[in-house]
Amino acid sequence: NLCPEPVDQMDEDCLRLTSREFEGKLNTKYKDLFRRAHTKDKKLHGLSKQYFASVRSKWEAYKEELCDDPTVTTDLKTPADRIYSLCAIEQTKLHLKALERF
């Protein structure tokens, strides 16, 4: 692991790598849920692919609303970028944990 320290102590490069890693895990989890919904996995109790697509869409909007700082209007790197990255990583970790119920 290139970034072993806690997320809040990571440098920008590690934050970017960690964010991509969690986004990849999230994509993999949703692909698995979509596949399982398509094959009518009984453990999903009849939940459809559309249900999980809706959850993902709403979660993305929630994450953006929670983590985005609307006061930042520049393309320059700012402390707000770091706060957004930390928030997005933490929220993705929590979302993945919640999806493990399925």
Protein backbone atom coordinates (compact mmCIF):
# COMPACT_ATOMS: atom_id res chain seq x y z
CA ASN A 1 0.00 0.00 0.00
CA LEU A 2 1.49 3.31 -1.07
CA CYS A 3 -0.60 5.33 1.38
CA PRO A 4 -0.64 3.53 4.73
CA GLU A 5 -1.32 6.53 6.96
CA PRO A 6 -4.86 7.60 7.99
CA VAL A 7 -6.77 9.41 5.26
CA ASP A 8 -6.69 12.76 7.02
CA GLN A 9 -2.88 12.67 7.00
CA MET A 10 -2.45 11.77 3.32
CA ASP A 11 -0.83 14.08 0.83
CA GLU A 12 -2.63 15.11 -2.36
CA ASP A 13 -1.21 12.25 -4.45
CA CYS A 14 -2.32 9.66 -1.91
CA LEU A 15 -5.75 11.23 -1.60
CA ARG A 16 -6.17 11.01 -5.37
CA LEU A 17 -5.01 7.37 -5.45
CA THR A 18 -7.18 6.41 -2.50
CA SER A 19 -10.20 8.14 -3.98
CA ARG A 20 -9.74 6.24 -7.27
CA GLU A 21 -9.31 2.99 -5.34
CA PHE A 22 -12.58 3.47 -3.48
CA GLU A 23 -14.41 4.54 -6.63
CA GLY A 24 -13.18 1.33 -8.28
CA LYS A 25 -14.40 -0.75 -5.35
CA LEU A 26 -17.76 1.02 -5.50
CA ASN A 27 -18.06 0.37 -9.25
CA THR A 28 -17.23 -3.30 -8.68
CA LYS A 29 -19.81 -3.56 -5.90
CA TYR A 30 -22.55 -2.03 -8.03
CA LYS A 31 -21.69 -4.26 -11.00
CA ASP A 32 -22.02 -7.25 -8.67
CA LEU A 33 -25.35 -5.99 -7.31
CA PHE A 34 -26.65 -5.34 -10.85
CA ARG A 35 -25.59 -8.85 -11.88
CA ARG A 36 -27.19 -10.40 -8.81
CA ALA A 37 -30.41 -8.43 -9.34
CA HIS A 38 -30.51 -9.55 -12.97
CA THR A 39 -30.14 -13.20 -11.93
CA LYS A 40 -32.79 -12.72 -9.21
CA ASP A 41 -30.49 -13.57 -6.29
CA LYS A 42 -32.80 -14.49 -3.42
CA LYS A 43 -30.58 -12.66 -0.92
CA LEU A 44 -31.64 -9.38 -2.55
CA HIS A 45 -35.30 -10.09 -1.68
CA GLY A 46 -36.59 -9.03 -5.10
CA LEU A 47 -34.72 -5.73 -5.32
CA SER A 48 -34.18 -4.80 -8.96
CA LYS A 49 -31.29 -3.39 -10.93
CA GLN A 50 -33.30 -0.17 -11.21
CA TYR A 51 -33.48 0.02 -7.42
CA PHE A 52 -29.70 -0.12 -7.11
CA ALA A 53 -29.27 2.35 -9.99
CA SER A 54 -31.57 4.73 -8.12
CA VAL A 55 -29.65 4.24 -4.87
CA ARG A 56 -26.39 4.98 -6.64
CA SER A 57 -27.74 8.09 -8.32
CA LYS A 58 -29.19 9.45 -5.09
CA TRP A 59 -26.00 8.63 -3.21
CA GLU A 60 -23.87 10.47 -5.77
CA ALA A 61 -26.09 13.54 -5.41
CA TYR A 62 -25.96 13.26 -1.61
CA LYS A 63 -22.16 12.98 -1.63
CA GLU A 64 -21.82 16.01 -3.88
CA GLU A 65 -24.16 18.06 -1.71
CA LEU A 66 -22.45 16.97 1.49
CA CYS A 67 -18.85 17.33 0.35
CA ASP A 68 -18.88 20.11 -2.24
CA ASP A 69 -18.06 23.66 -1.19
CA PRO A 70 -20.13 25.98 -3.38
CA THR A 71 -18.02 28.97 -2.33
CA VAL A 72 -15.03 27.68 -4.31
CA THR A 73 -15.24 29.25 -7.77
CA THR A 74 -11.67 28.80 -8.99
CA ASP A 75 -9.86 25.93 -10.68
CA LEU A 76 -6.84 26.45 -8.44
CA LYS A 77 -6.04 23.88 -5.76
CA THR A 78 -7.33 25.12 -2.43
CA PRO A 79 -7.76 23.73 1.07
CA ALA A 80 -11.39 23.15 0.05
CA ASP A 81 -10.20 20.60 -2.55
CA ARG A 82 -8.53 18.62 0.22
CA ILE A 83 -11.63 18.81 2.41
CA TYR A 84 -13.76 17.60 -0.52
CA SER A 85 -11.39 14.67 -1.16
CA LEU A 86 -11.37 13.66 2.51
CA CYS A 87 -15.15 13.88 2.70
CA ALA A 88 -15.67 11.96 -0.56
CA ILE A 89 -13.35 9.15 0.54
CA GLU A 90 -15.01 8.84 3.95
CA GLN A 91 -18.50 8.90 2.44
CA THR A 92 -17.53 6.27 -0.17
CA LYS A 93 -16.14 4.03 2.58
CA LEU A 94 -19.39 4.35 4.53
CA HIS A 95 -21.49 3.70 1.41
CA LEU A 96 -19.50 0.57 0.60
CA LYS A 97 -20.00 -0.61 4.18
CA ALA A 98 -23.76 -0.06 3.86
CA LEU A 99 -23.87 -2.00 0.58
CA GLU A 100 -22.24 -4.99 2.26
CA ARG A 101 -25.67 -5.76 3.74
CA PHE A 102 -26.59 -7.06 0.31
